[in-house]
Amino acid sequence: MKIKAILIDPEHKRIKEVQIERGLKGLYDILDCNMVETPIHYGNGDAMYSNEEAWLEVDPKDQIFGFEFPDWDYPILGKSLIVGTNDEGEDIDCKSTVNDFKNIIWRDNAFMRHTGIKIGMI
């Protein structure tokens, strides 16, 4: 079963609605990872999934990208996905729209590397 989600892709500076397979495999496939975390839960029941091991996978030769919002203290490294959740904690269609994320701040390789050094991950 597919659900509606919002993909935040900092490498391409793109936010778009996507359809993903419900469940961990769908999350892993679109985020290109093996472990996810939910650093943000929104008041409307939506949640943000990100790659939990993103900082552990940084290669010194690779360009890395991230994003944050004006009221955040730190950026998220790599792609994230916004999905809805129900009362049982299952993923469902998200209620958020692409427009809800228009104030995103894209972070480039230099900024993310500086952040990684500052937090002791690089």
PDB file of N, CA and C in Angstrom:
ATOM      1  N   MET A   1       0.843  -1.185   0.000  1.00  0.00           N
ATOM      2  CA  MET A   1       0.000   0.000   0.000  1.00  0.00           C
ATOM      3  C   MET A   1       0.886   1.246   0.000  1.00  0.00           C
ATOM      4  N   LYS A   2       0.573   2.173  -0.868  1.00  0.00           N
ATOM      5  CA  LYS A   2       1.357   3.413  -0.964  1.00  0.00           C
ATOM      6  C   LYS A   2       0.697   4.518  -0.146  1.00  0.00           C
ATOM      7  N   ILE A   3       1.562   5.404   0.365  1.00  0.00           N
ATOM      8  CA  ILE A   3       1.079   6.566   1.105  1.00  0.00           C
ATOM      9  C   ILE A   3       1.720   7.828   0.541  1.00  0.00           C
ATOM     10  N   LYS A   4       1.041   8.952   0.762  1.00  0.00           N
ATOM     11  CA  LYS A   4       1.550  10.261   0.324  1.00  0.00           C
ATOM     12  C   LYS A   4       2.537  10.769   1.372  1.00  0.00           C
ATOM     13  N   ALA A   5       3.682  11.251   0.894  1.00  0.00           N
ATOM     14  CA  ALA A   5       4.706  11.793   1.782  1.00  0.00           C
ATOM     15  C   ALA A   5       5.335  13.006   1.108  1.00  0.00           C
ATOM     16  N   ILE A   6       6.148  13.738   1.862  1.00  0.00           N
ATOM     17  CA  ILE A   6       6.882  14.883   1.322  1.00  0.00           C
ATOM     18  C   ILE A   6       8.365  14.590   1.468  1.00  0.00           C
ATOM     19  N   LEU A   7       9.074  14.628   0.362  1.00  0.00           N
ATOM     20  CA  LEU A   7      10.512  14.385   0.353  1.00  0.00           C
ATOM     21  C   LEU A   7      11.253  15.712   0.378  1.00  0.00           C
ATOM     22  N   ILE A   8      12.181  15.840   1.309  1.00  0.00           N
ATOM     23  CA  ILE A   8      13.077  16.998   1.370  1.00  0.00           C
ATOM     24  C   ILE A   8      14.441  16.508   0.919  1.00  0.00           C
ATOM     25  N   ASP A   9      14.919  17.045  -0.196  1.00  0.00           N
ATOM     26  CA  ASP A   9      16.172  16.606  -0.811  1.00  0.00           C
ATOM     27  C   ASP A   9      17.143  17.784  -0.885  1.00  0.00           C
ATOM     28  N   PRO A  10      18.033  17.924   0.106  1.00  0.00           N
ATOM     29  CA  PRO A  10      18.925  19.088   0.133  1.00  0.00           C
ATOM     30  C   PRO A  10      19.986  19.103  -0.961  1.00  0.00           C
ATOM     31  N   GLU A  11      20.385  17.952  -1.458  1.00  0.00           N
ATOM     32  CA  GLU A  11      21.387  17.940  -2.532  1.00  0.00           C
ATOM     33  C   GLU A  11      20.855  18.648  -3.770  1.00  0.00           C
ATOM     34  N   HIS A  12      19.594  18.427  -4.086  1.00  0.00           N
ATOM     35  CA  HIS A  12      18.979  19.030  -5.270  1.00  0.00           C
ATOM     36  C   HIS A  12      18.113  20.242  -4.921  1.00  0.00           C
ATOM     37  N   LYS A  13      18.113  20.631  -3.641  1.00  0.00           N
ATOM     38  CA  LYS A  13      17.318  21.773  -3.157  1.00  0.00           C
ATOM     39  C   LYS A  13      15.874  21.663  -3.637  1.00  0.00           C
ATOM     40  N   ARG A  14      15.270  20.522  -3.291  1.00  0.00           N
ATOM     41  CA  ARG A  14      13.933  20.217  -3.794  1.00  0.00           C
ATOM     42  C   ARG A  14      13.062  19.660  -2.670  1.00  0.00           C
ATOM     43  N   ILE A  15      11.828  20.114  -2.645  1.00  0.00           N
ATOM     44  CA  ILE A  15      10.805  19.570  -1.752  1.00  0.00           C
ATOM     45  C   ILE A  15       9.659  19.147  -2.655  1.00  0.00           C
ATOM     46  N   LYS A  16       9.284  17.872  -2.577  1.00  0.00           N
ATOM     47  CA  LYS A  16       8.213  17.423  -3.471  1.00  0.00           C
ATOM     48  C   LYS A  16       7.378  16.336  -2.818  1.00  0.00           C
ATOM     49  N   GLU A  17       6.131  16.266  -3.269  1.00  0.00           N
ATOM     50  CA  GLU A  17       5.233  15.209  -2.829  1.00  0.00           C
ATOM     51  C   GLU A  17       5.604  13.930  -3.560  1.00  0.00           C
ATOM     52  N   VAL A  18       5.630  12.822  -2.814  1.00  0.00           N
ATOM     53  CA  VAL A  18       5.953  11.519  -3.391  1.00  0.00           C
ATOM     54  C   VAL A  18       4.983  10.481  -2.851  1.00  0.00           C
ATOM     55  N   GLN A  19       4.912   9.377  -3.536  1.00  0.00           N
ATOM     56  CA  GLN A  19       4.174   8.209  -3.071  1.00  0.00           C
ATOM     57  C   GLN A  19       5.205   7.153  -2.696  1.00  0.00           C
ATOM     58  N   ILE A  20       5.115   6.610  -1.475  1.00  0.00           N
ATOM     59  CA  ILE A  20       6.071   5.596  -1.041  1.00  0.00           C
ATOM     60  C   ILE A  20       5.331   4.369  -0.539  1.00  0.00           C
ATOM     61  N   GLU A  21       6.022   3.254  -0.552  1.00  0.00           N
ATOM     62  CA  GLU A  21       5.470   2.043   0.038  1.00  0.00           C
ATOM     63  C   GLU A  21       5.419   2.228   1.545  1.00  0.00           C
ATOM     64  N   ARG A  22       4.314   1.876   2.137  1.00  0.00           N
ATOM     65  CA  ARG A  22       4.159   1.972   3.584  1.00  0.00           C
ATOM     66  C   ARG A  22       5.086   0.961   4.258  1.00  0.00           C
ATOM     67  N   GLY A  23       5.711   1.368   5.353  1.00  0.00           N
ATOM     68  CA  GLY A  23       6.585   0.473   6.098  1.00  0.00           C
ATOM     69  C   GLY A  23       8.045   0.869   5.978  1.00  0.00           C
ATOM     70  N   LEU A  24       8.878   0.181   6.736  1.00  0.00           N
ATOM     71  CA  LEU A  24      10.291   0.528   6.786  1.00  0.00           C
ATOM     72  C   LEU A  24      10.988   0.425   5.429  1.00  0.00           C
ATOM     73  N   LYS A  25      10.650  -0.579   4.635  1.00  0.00           N
ATOM     74  CA  LYS A  25      11.303  -0.731   3.335  1.00  0.00           C
ATOM     75  C   LYS A  25      11.093   0.501   2.473  1.00  0.00           C
ATOM     76  N   GLY A  26       9.886   1.058   2.470  1.00  0.00           N
ATOM     77  CA  GLY A  26       9.614   2.268   1.703  1.00  0.00           C
ATOM     78  C   GLY A  26      10.455   3.436   2.187  1.00  0.00           C
ATOM     79  N   LEU A  27      10.594   3.569   3.504  1.00  0.00           N
ATOM     80  CA  LEU A  27      11.428   4.636   4.067  1.00  0.00           C
ATOM     81  C   LEU A  27      12.891   4.428   3.696  1.00  0.00           C
ATOM     82  N   TYR A  28      13.381   3.211   3.891  1.00  0.00           N
ATOM     83  CA  TYR A  28      14.784   2.915   3.584  1.00  0.00           C
ATOM     84  C   TYR A  28      15.094   3.157   2.109  1.00  0.00           C
ATOM     85  N   ASP A  29      14.180   2.750   1.248  1.00  0.00           N
ATOM     86  CA  ASP A  29      14.411   2.907  -0.193  1.00  0.00           C
ATOM     87  C   ASP A  29      14.545   4.372  -0.596  1.00  0.00           C
ATOM     88  N   ILE A  30      13.639   5.212  -0.150  1.00  0.00           N
ATOM     89  CA  ILE A  30      13.660   6.602  -0.605  1.00  0.00           C
ATOM     90  C   ILE A  30      14.741   7.418   0.104  1.00  0.00           C
ATOM     91  N   LEU A  31      15.066   7.056   1.364  1.00  0.00           N
ATOM     92  CA  LEU A  31      16.104   7.782   2.086  1.00  0.00           C
ATOM     93  C   LEU A  31      17.492   7.164   1.873  1.00  0.00           C
ATOM     94  N   ASP A  32      17.537   6.033   1.186  1.00  0.00           N
ATOM     95  CA  ASP A  32      18.791   5.341   0.881  1.00  0.00           C
ATOM     96  C   ASP A  32      19.579   5.074   2.165  1.00  0.00           C
ATOM     97  N   CYS A  33      18.916   4.378   3.110  1.00  0.00           N
ATOM     98  CA  CYS A  33      19.563   4.091   4.387  1.00  0.00           C
ATOM     99  C   CYS A  33      19.055   2.765   4.944  1.00  0.00           C
ATOM    100  N   ASN A  34      19.605   2.386   6.106  1.00  0.00           N
ATOM    101  CA  ASN A  34      19.218   1.143   6.769  1.00  0.00           C
ATOM    102  C   ASN A  34      18.648   1.358   8.163  1.00  0.00           C
ATOM    103  N   MET A  35      18.611   2.618   8.605  1.00  0.00           N
ATOM    104  CA  MET A  35      18.080   2.925   9.928  1.00  0.00           C
ATOM    105  C   MET A  35      17.532   4.348   9.906  1.00  0.00           C
ATOM    106  N   VAL A  36      16.324   4.527  10.413  1.00  0.00           N
ATOM    107  CA  VAL A  36      15.718   5.857  10.426  1.00  0.00           C
ATOM    108  C   VAL A  36      15.470   6.319  11.859  1.00  0.00           C
ATOM    109  N   GLU A  37      15.357   7.624  12.002  1.00  0.00           N
ATOM    110  CA  GLU A  37      14.955   8.239  13.258  1.00  0.00           C
ATOM    111  C   GLU A  37      13.898   9.285  12.935  1.00  0.00           C
ATOM    112  N   THR A  38      13.172   9.692  13.945  1.00  0.00           N
ATOM    113  CA  THR A  38      12.161  10.731  13.760  1.00  0.00           C
ATOM    114  C   THR A  38      12.520  11.910  14.661  1.00  0.00           C
ATOM    115  N   PRO A  39      13.353  12.824  14.144  1.00  0.00           N
ATOM    116  CA  PRO A  39      13.777  13.953  14.972  1.00  0.00           C
ATOM    117  C   PRO A  39      12.690  14.998  15.213  1.00  0.00           C
ATOM    118  N   ILE A  40      11.650  14.995  14.395  1.00  0.00           N
ATOM    119  CA  ILE A  40      10.599  16.011  14.509  1.00  0.00           C
ATOM    120  C   ILE A  40       9.224  15.351  14.444  1.00  0.00           C
ATOM    121  N   HIS A  41       8.340  15.745  15.362  1.00  0.00           N
ATOM    122  CA  HIS A  41       6.929  15.368  15.320  1.00  0.00           C
ATOM    123  C   HIS A  41       6.135  16.672  15.255  1.00  0.00           C
ATOM    124  N   TYR A  42       5.231  16.768  14.304  1.00  0.00           N
ATOM    125  CA  TYR A  42       4.440  17.981  14.102  1.00  0.00           C
ATOM    126  C   TYR A  42       3.085  17.866  14.798  1.00  0.00           C
ATOM    127  N   GLY A  43       2.499  18.991  15.127  1.00  0.00           N
ATOM    128  CA  GLY A  43       1.218  19.045  15.815  1.00  0.00           C
ATOM    129  C   GLY A  43       0.069  18.415  15.043  1.00  0.00           C
ATOM    130  N   ASN A  44       0.191  18.315  13.729  1.00  0.00           N
ATOM    131  CA  ASN A  44      -0.884  17.740  12.917  1.00  0.00           C
ATOM    132  C   ASN A  44      -0.800  16.214  12.804  1.00  0.00           C
ATOM    133  N   GLY A  45       0.138  15.607  13.531  1.00  0.00           N
ATOM    134  CA  GLY A  45       0.294  14.151  13.477  1.00  0.00           C
ATOM    135  C   GLY A  45       1.361  13.687  12.512  1.00  0.00           C
ATOM    136  N   ASP A  46       1.913  14.586  11.701  1.00  0.00           N
ATOM    137  CA  ASP A  46       2.982  14.210  10.787  1.00  0.00           C
ATOM    138  C   ASP A  46       4.297  14.065  11.553  1.00  0.00           C
ATOM    139  N   ALA A  47       5.203  13.302  10.979  1.00  0.00           N
ATOM    140  CA  ALA A  47       6.524  13.106  11.557  1.00  0.00           C
ATOM    141  C   ALA A  47       7.563  13.168  10.445  1.00  0.00           C
ATOM    142  N   MET A  48       8.772  13.558  10.800  1.00  0.00           N
ATOM    143  CA  MET A  48       9.880  13.593   9.853  1.00  0.00           C
ATOM    144  C   MET A  48      10.777  12.391  10.108  1.00  0.00           C
ATOM    145  N   TYR A  49      11.060  11.643   9.054  1.00  0.00           N
ATOM    146  CA  TYR A  49      12.038  10.563   9.122  1.00  0.00           C
ATOM    147  C   TYR A  49      13.331  11.031   8.469  1.00  0.00           C
ATOM    148  N   SER A  50      14.453  10.663   9.097  1.00  0.00           N
ATOM    149  CA  SER A  50      15.775  10.959   8.556  1.00  0.00           C
ATOM    150  C   SER A  50      16.665   9.737   8.758  1.00  0.00           C
ATOM    151  N   ASN A  51      17.804   9.731   8.064  1.00  0.00           N
ATOM    152  CA  ASN A  51      18.781   8.657   8.189  1.00  0.00           C
ATOM    153  C   ASN A  51      19.491   8.790   9.535  1.00  0.00           C
ATOM    154  N   GLU A  52      19.263   7.847  10.428  1.00  0.00           N
ATOM    155  CA  GLU A  52      19.864   7.915  11.762  1.00  0.00           C
ATOM    156  C   GLU A  52      21.387   7.818  11.726  1.00  0.00           C
ATOM    157  N   GLU A  53      21.926   7.182  10.716  1.00  0.00           N
ATOM    158  CA  GLU A  53      23.368   6.982  10.648  1.00  0.00           C
ATOM    159  C   GLU A  53      24.067   7.915   9.654  1.00  0.00           C
ATOM    160  N   ALA A  54      23.395   8.978   9.251  1.00  0.00           N
ATOM    161  CA  ALA A  54      23.934   9.859   8.211  1.00  0.00           C
ATOM    162  C   ALA A  54      25.342  10.364   8.540  1.00  0.00           C
ATOM    163  N   TRP A  55      25.564  10.828   9.762  1.00  0.00           N
ATOM    164  CA  TRP A  55      26.887  11.369  10.113  1.00  0.00           C
ATOM    165  C   TRP A  55      27.942  10.272  10.146  1.00  0.00           C
ATOM    166  N   LEU A  56      27.562   9.051  10.442  1.00  0.00           N
ATOM    167  CA  LEU A  56      28.518   7.948  10.483  1.00  0.00           C
ATOM    168  C   LEU A  56      28.956   7.514   9.097  1.00  0.00           C
ATOM    169  N   GLU A  57      28.182   7.878   8.071  1.00  0.00           N
ATOM    170  CA  GLU A  57      28.436   7.454   6.700  1.00  0.00           C
ATOM    171  C   GLU A  57      29.161   8.506   5.862  1.00  0.00           C
ATOM    172  N   VAL A  58      29.546   9.629   6.472  1.00  0.00           N
ATOM    173  CA  VAL A  58      30.198  10.703   5.715  1.00  0.00           C
ATOM    174  C   VAL A  58      31.587  10.256   5.272  1.00  0.00           C
ATOM    175  N   ASP A  59      31.824  10.360   3.977  1.00  0.00           N
ATOM    176  CA  ASP A  59      33.127  10.065   3.388  1.00  0.00           C
ATOM    177  C   ASP A  59      33.809  11.404   3.111  1.00  0.00           C
ATOM    178  N   PRO A  60      35.089  11.542   3.471  1.00  0.00           N
ATOM    179  CA  PRO A  60      35.778  12.822   3.254  1.00  0.00           C
ATOM    180  C   PRO A  60      35.767  13.304   1.803  1.00  0.00           C
ATOM    181  N   LYS A  61      35.602  12.387   0.847  1.00  0.00           N
ATOM    182  CA  LYS A  61      35.611  12.766  -0.567  1.00  0.00           C
ATOM    183  C   LYS A  61      34.246  13.202  -1.084  1.00  0.00           C
ATOM    184  N   ASP A  62      33.205  12.896  -0.350  1.00  0.00           N
ATOM    185  CA  ASP A  62      31.843  13.183  -0.810  1.00  0.00           C
ATOM    186  C   ASP A  62      31.399  14.599  -0.452  1.00  0.00           C
ATOM    187  N   GLN A  63      30.545  15.148  -1.283  1.00  0.00           N
ATOM    188  CA  GLN A  63      29.849  16.393  -0.959  1.00  0.00           C
ATOM    189  C   GLN A  63      28.668  16.008  -0.076  1.00  0.00           C
ATOM    190  N   ILE A  64      28.436  16.779   0.978  1.00  0.00           N
ATOM    191  CA  ILE A  64      27.299  16.509   1.849  1.00  0.00           C
ATOM    192  C   ILE A  64      26.409  17.741   1.915  1.00  0.00           C
ATOM    193  N   PHE A  65      25.118  17.508   2.096  1.00  0.00           N
ATOM    194  CA  PHE A  65      24.140  18.586   2.075  1.00  0.00           C
ATOM    195  C   PHE A  65      23.131  18.388   3.202  1.00  0.00           C
ATOM    196  N   GLY A  66      22.559  19.479   3.645  1.00  0.00           N
ATOM    197  CA  GLY A  66      21.577  19.402   4.709  1.00  0.00           C
ATOM    198  C   GLY A  66      20.579  20.536   4.608  1.00  0.00           C
ATOM    199  N   PHE A  67      19.763  20.647   5.641  1.00  0.00           N
ATOM    200  CA  PHE A  67      18.760  21.700   5.683  1.00  0.00           C
ATOM    201  C   PHE A  67      18.370  21.944   7.129  1.00  0.00           C
ATOM    202  N   GLU A  68      17.748  23.085   7.348  1.00  0.00           N
ATOM    203  CA  GLU A  68      17.152  23.401   8.645  1.00  0.00           C
ATOM    204  C   GLU A  68      16.089  24.463   8.429  1.00  0.00           C
ATOM    205  N   PHE A  69      15.428  24.804   9.502  1.00  0.00           N
ATOM    206  CA  PHE A  69      14.416  25.842   9.462  1.00  0.00           C
ATOM    207  C   PHE A  69      14.825  26.958  10.405  1.00  0.00           C
ATOM    208  N   PRO A  70      14.291  28.160  10.235  1.00  0.00           N
ATOM    209  CA  PRO A  70      14.752  29.322  11.009  1.00  0.00           C
ATOM    210  C   PRO A  70      14.793  29.134  12.520  1.00  0.00           C
ATOM    211  N   ASP A  71      13.908  28.353  13.095  1.00  0.00           N
ATOM    212  CA  ASP A  71      13.876  28.218  14.554  1.00  0.00           C
ATOM    213  C   ASP A  71      14.636  26.997  15.080  1.00  0.00           C
ATOM    214  N   TRP A  72      15.397  26.316  14.217  1.00  0.00           N
ATOM    215  CA  TRP A  72      16.151  25.137  14.628  1.00  0.00           C
ATOM    216  C   TRP A  72      17.533  25.516  15.149  1.00  0.00           C
ATOM    217  N   ASP A  73      18.095  24.642  15.990  1.00  0.00           N
ATOM    218  CA  ASP A  73      19.437  24.834  16.531  1.00  0.00           C
ATOM    219  C   ASP A  73      20.505  24.109  15.716  1.00  0.00           C
ATOM    220  N   TYR A  74      20.107  23.172  14.876  1.00  0.00           N
ATOM    221  CA  TYR A  74      21.066  22.379  14.111  1.00  0.00           C
ATOM    222  C   TYR A  74      20.411  21.891  12.819  1.00  0.00           C
ATOM    223  N   PRO A  75      21.227  21.603  11.810  1.00  0.00           N
ATOM    224  CA  PRO A  75      20.679  21.101  10.546  1.00  0.00           C
ATOM    225  C   PRO A  75      20.538  19.575  10.544  1.00  0.00           C
ATOM    226  N   ILE A  76      19.735  19.078   9.618  1.00  0.00           N
ATOM    227  CA  ILE A  76      19.606  17.646   9.350  1.00  0.00           C
ATOM    228  C   ILE A  76      20.488  17.339   8.148  1.00  0.00           C
ATOM    229  N   LEU A  77      21.284  16.304   8.249  1.00  0.00           N
ATOM    230  CA  LEU A  77      22.154  15.880   7.149  1.00  0.00           C
ATOM    231  C   LEU A  77      21.399  14.927   6.232  1.00  0.00           C
ATOM    232  N   GLY A  78      21.400  15.212   4.940  1.00  0.00           N
ATOM    233  CA  GLY A  78      20.786  14.327   3.960  1.00  0.00           C
ATOM    234  C   GLY A  78      19.292  14.530   3.805  1.00  0.00           C
ATOM    235  N   LYS A  79      18.689  13.586   3.088  1.00  0.00           N
ATOM    236  CA  LYS A  79      17.255  13.649   2.788  1.00  0.00           C
ATOM    237  C   LYS A  79      16.419  13.371   4.028  1.00  0.00           C
ATOM    238  N   SER A  80      15.202  13.879   4.013  1.00  0.00           N
ATOM    239  CA  SER A  80      14.206  13.557   5.029  1.00  0.00           C
ATOM    240  C   SER A  80      12.861  13.358   4.358  1.00  0.00           C
ATOM    241  N   LEU A  81      11.971  12.729   5.085  1.00  0.00           N
ATOM    242  CA  LEU A  81      10.656  12.399   4.559  1.00  0.00           C
ATOM    243  C   LEU A  81       9.612  12.732   5.617  1.00  0.00           C
ATOM    244  N   ILE A  82       8.566  13.444   5.204  1.00  0.00           N
ATOM    245  CA  ILE A  82       7.458  13.772   6.088  1.00  0.00           C
ATOM    246  C   ILE A  82       6.314  12.809   5.784  1.00  0.00           C
ATOM    247  N   VAL A  83       5.839  12.103   6.810  1.00  0.00           N
ATOM    248  CA  VAL A  83       4.704  11.192   6.666  1.00  0.00           C
ATOM    249  C   VAL A  83       3.705  11.476   7.770  1.00  0.00           C
ATOM    250  N   GLY A  84       2.485  11.034   7.582  1.00  0.00           N
ATOM    251  CA  GLY A  84       1.484  11.125   8.629  1.00  0.00           C
ATOM    252  C   GLY A  84       1.591   9.922   9.547  1.00  0.00           C
ATOM    253  N   THR A  85       1.012  10.037  10.726  1.00  0.00           N
ATOM    254  CA  THR A  85       0.947   8.901  11.645  1.00  0.00           C
ATOM    255  C   THR A  85      -0.456   8.822  12.239  1.00  0.00           C
ATOM    256  N   ASN A  86      -0.884   7.608  12.538  1.00  0.00           N
ATOM    257  CA  ASN A  86      -2.200   7.443  13.156  1.00  0.00           C
ATOM    258  C   ASN A  86      -2.043   7.173  14.658  1.00  0.00           C
ATOM    259  N   ASP A  87      -3.141   6.918  15.345  1.00  0.00           N
ATOM    260  CA  ASP A  87      -3.121   6.712  16.793  1.00  0.00           C
ATOM    261  C   ASP A  87      -2.313   5.483  17.215  1.00  0.00           C
ATOM    262  N   GLU A  88      -2.129   4.545  16.315  1.00  0.00           N
ATOM    263  CA  GLU A  88      -1.334   3.348  16.612  1.00  0.00           C
ATOM    264  C   GLU A  88       0.134   3.531  16.234  1.00  0.00           C
ATOM    265  N   GLY A  89       0.486   4.713  15.728  1.00  0.00           N
ATOM    266  CA  GLY A  89       1.870   4.978  15.336  1.00  0.00           C
ATOM    267  C   GLY A  89       2.236   4.492  13.946  1.00  0.00           C
ATOM    268  N   GLU A  90       1.256   4.059  13.185  1.00  0.00           N
ATOM    269  CA  GLU A  90       1.517   3.602  11.817  1.00  0.00           C
ATOM    270  C   GLU A  90       1.600   4.786  10.871  1.00  0.00           C
ATOM    271  N   ASP A  91       2.409   4.631   9.829  1.00  0.00           N
ATOM    272  CA  ASP A  91       2.539   5.678   8.816  1.00  0.00           C
ATOM    273  C   ASP A  91       1.296   5.695   7.921  1.00  0.00           C
ATOM    274  N   ILE A  92       0.817   6.916   7.663  1.00  0.00           N
ATOM    275  CA  ILE A  92      -0.330   7.145   6.785  1.00  0.00           C
ATOM    276  C   ILE A  92      -0.012   8.359   5.912  1.00  0.00           C
ATOM    277  N   ASP A  93      -0.936   8.732   5.033  1.00  0.00           N
ATOM    278  CA  ASP A  93      -0.746   9.934   4.216  1.00  0.00           C
ATOM    279  C   ASP A  93      -0.436  11.134   5.103  1.00  0.00           C
ATOM    280  N   CYS A  94       0.526  11.939   4.680  1.00  0.00           N
ATOM    281  CA  CYS A  94       0.848  13.142   5.461  1.00  0.00           C
ATOM    282  C   CYS A  94      -0.227  14.208   5.245  1.00  0.00           C
ATOM    283  N   LYS A  95      -0.378  15.059   6.240  1.00  0.00           N
ATOM    284  CA  LYS A  95      -1.323  16.173   6.153  1.00  0.00           C
ATOM    285  C   LYS A  95      -0.621  17.436   5.664  1.00  0.00           C
ATOM    286  N   SER A  96       0.687  17.508   5.873  1.00  0.00           N
ATOM    287  CA  SER A  96       1.461  18.677   5.453  1.00  0.00           C
ATOM    288  C   SER A  96       1.485  18.773   3.933  1.00  0.00           C
ATOM    289  N   THR A  97       1.797  19.965   3.445  1.00  0.00           N
ATOM    290  CA  THR A  97       1.949  20.196   2.015  1.00  0.00           C
ATOM    291  C   THR A  97       3.349  20.729   1.747  1.00  0.00           C
ATOM    292  N   VAL A  98       3.760  20.691   0.523  1.00  0.00           N
ATOM    293  CA  VAL A  98       5.063  21.239   0.130  1.00  0.00           C
ATOM    294  C   VAL A  98       5.174  22.694   0.577  1.00  0.00           C
ATOM    295  N   ASN A  99       4.107  23.436   0.461  1.00  0.00           N
ATOM    296  CA  ASN A  99       4.102  24.857   0.829  1.00  0.00           C
ATOM    297  C   ASN A  99       4.402  25.081   2.315  1.00  0.00           C
ATOM    298  N   ASP A 100       4.104  24.089   3.159  1.00  0.00           N
ATOM    299  CA  ASP A 100       4.378  24.210   4.592  1.00  0.00           C
ATOM    300  C   ASP A 100       5.872  24.319   4.899  1.00  0.00           C
ATOM    301  N   PHE A 101       6.706  23.972   3.933  1.00  0.00           N
ATOM    302  CA  PHE A 101       8.150  23.940   4.153  1.00  0.00           C
ATOM    303  C   PHE A 101       8.893  24.988   3.322  1.00  0.00           C
ATOM    304  N   LYS A 102       8.186  26.029   2.920  1.00  0.00           N
ATOM    305  CA  LYS A 102       8.771  27.044   2.039  1.00  0.00           C
ATOM    306  C   LYS A 102       9.874  27.860   2.698  1.00  0.00           C
ATOM    307  N   ASN A 103       9.952  27.874   4.030  1.00  0.00           N
ATOM    308  CA  ASN A 103      10.984  28.662   4.701  1.00  0.00           C
ATOM    309  C   ASN A 103      12.240  27.850   5.030  1.00  0.00           C
ATOM    310  N   ILE A 104      12.413  26.741   4.346  1.00  0.00           N
ATOM    311  CA  ILE A 104      13.582  25.881   4.554  1.00  0.00           C
ATOM    312  C   ILE A 104      14.872  26.647   4.240  1.00  0.00           C
ATOM    313  N   ILE A 105      15.923  26.304   4.949  1.00  0.00           N
ATOM    314  CA  ILE A 105      17.249  26.884   4.703  1.00  0.00           C
ATOM    315  C   ILE A 105      18.150  25.738   4.234  1.00  0.00           C
ATOM    316  N   TRP A 106      18.595  25.812   3.005  1.00  0.00           N
ATOM    317  CA  TRP A 106      19.469  24.783   2.455  1.00  0.00           C
ATOM    318  C   TRP A 106      20.890  25.006   2.964  1.00  0.00           C
ATOM    319  N   ARG A 107      21.566  23.917   3.331  1.00  0.00           N
ATOM    320  CA  ARG A 107      22.929  24.000   3.835  1.00  0.00           C
ATOM    321  C   ARG A 107      23.869  23.228   2.911  1.00  0.00           C
ATOM    322  N   ASP A 108      24.950  23.903   2.504  1.00  0.00           N
ATOM    323  CA  ASP A 108      25.887  23.318   1.540  1.00  0.00           C
ATOM    324  C   ASP A 108      26.976  22.498   2.234  1.00  0.00           C
ATOM    325  N   ASN A 109      27.877  21.954   1.421  1.00  0.00           N
ATOM    326  CA  ASN A 109      28.950  21.095   1.894  1.00  0.00           C
ATOM    327  C   ASN A 109      29.793  21.781   2.968  1.00  0.00           C
ATOM    328  N   ALA A 110      30.215  23.012   2.747  1.00  0.00           N
ATOM    329  CA  ALA A 110      31.070  23.714   3.709  1.00  0.00           C
ATOM    330  C   ALA A 110      30.366  23.868   5.054  1.00  0.00           C
ATOM    331  N   PHE A 111      29.112  24.274   5.040  1.00  0.00           N
ATOM    332  CA  PHE A 111      28.361  24.449   6.275  1.00  0.00           C
ATOM    333  C   PHE A 111      28.200  23.120   7.006  1.00  0.00           C
ATOM    334  N   MET A 112      27.839  22.066   6.270  1.00  0.00           N
ATOM    335  CA  MET A 112      27.607  20.775   6.901  1.00  0.00           C
ATOM    336  C   MET A 112      28.907  20.190   7.449  1.00  0.00           C
ATOM    337  N   ARG A 113      30.010  20.371   6.743  1.00  0.00           N
ATOM    338  CA  ARG A 113      31.300  19.880   7.255  1.00  0.00           C
ATOM    339  C   ARG A 113      31.685  20.632   8.527  1.00  0.00           C
ATOM    340  N   HIS A 114      31.470  21.939   8.539  1.00  0.00           N
ATOM    341  CA  HIS A 114      31.745  22.728   9.742  1.00  0.00           C
ATOM    342  C   HIS A 114      30.885  22.218  10.906  1.00  0.00           C
ATOM    343  N   THR A 115      29.601  21.946  10.627  1.00  0.00           N
ATOM    344  CA  THR A 115      28.708  21.417  11.657  1.00  0.00           C
ATOM    345  C   THR A 115      29.206  20.063  12.150  1.00  0.00           C
ATOM    346  N   GLY A 116      29.604  19.200  11.226  1.00  0.00           N
ATOM    347  CA  GLY A 116      30.103  17.877  11.598  1.00  0.00           C
ATOM    348  C   GLY A 116      31.331  17.943  12.485  1.00  0.00           C
ATOM    349  N   ILE A 117      32.223  18.867  12.198  1.00  0.00           N
ATOM    350  CA  ILE A 117      33.418  19.056  13.025  1.00  0.00           C
ATOM    351  C   ILE A 117      33.008  19.569  14.403  1.00  0.00           C
ATOM    352  N   LYS A 118      32.094  20.534  14.426  1.00  0.00           N
ATOM    353  CA  LYS A 118      31.643  21.147  15.674  1.00  0.00           C
ATOM    354  C   LYS A 118      30.994  20.121  16.618  1.00  0.00           C
ATOM    355  N   ILE A 119      30.241  19.174  16.054  1.00  0.00           N
ATOM    356  CA  ILE A 119      29.574  18.184  16.889  1.00  0.00           C
ATOM    357  C   ILE A 119      30.404  16.903  17.078  1.00  0.00           C
ATOM    358  N   GLY A 120      31.601  16.905  16.525  1.00  0.00           N
ATOM    359  CA  GLY A 120      32.514  15.772  16.715  1.00  0.00           C
ATOM    360  C   GLY A 120      32.218  14.550  15.877  1.00  0.00           C
ATOM    361  N   MET A 121      31.531  14.732  14.754  1.00  0.00           N
ATOM    362  CA  MET A 121      31.203  13.603  13.898  1.00  0.00           C
ATOM    363  C   MET A 121      32.123  13.492  12.678  1.00  0.00           C
ATOM    364  N   ILE A 122      32.909  14.522  12.425  1.00  0.00           N
ATOM    365  CA  ILE A 122      33.860  14.481  11.305  1.00  0.00           C
ATOM    366  C   ILE A 122      35.238  14.749  11.880  1.00  0.00           C
TER     367      ILE A 122
END
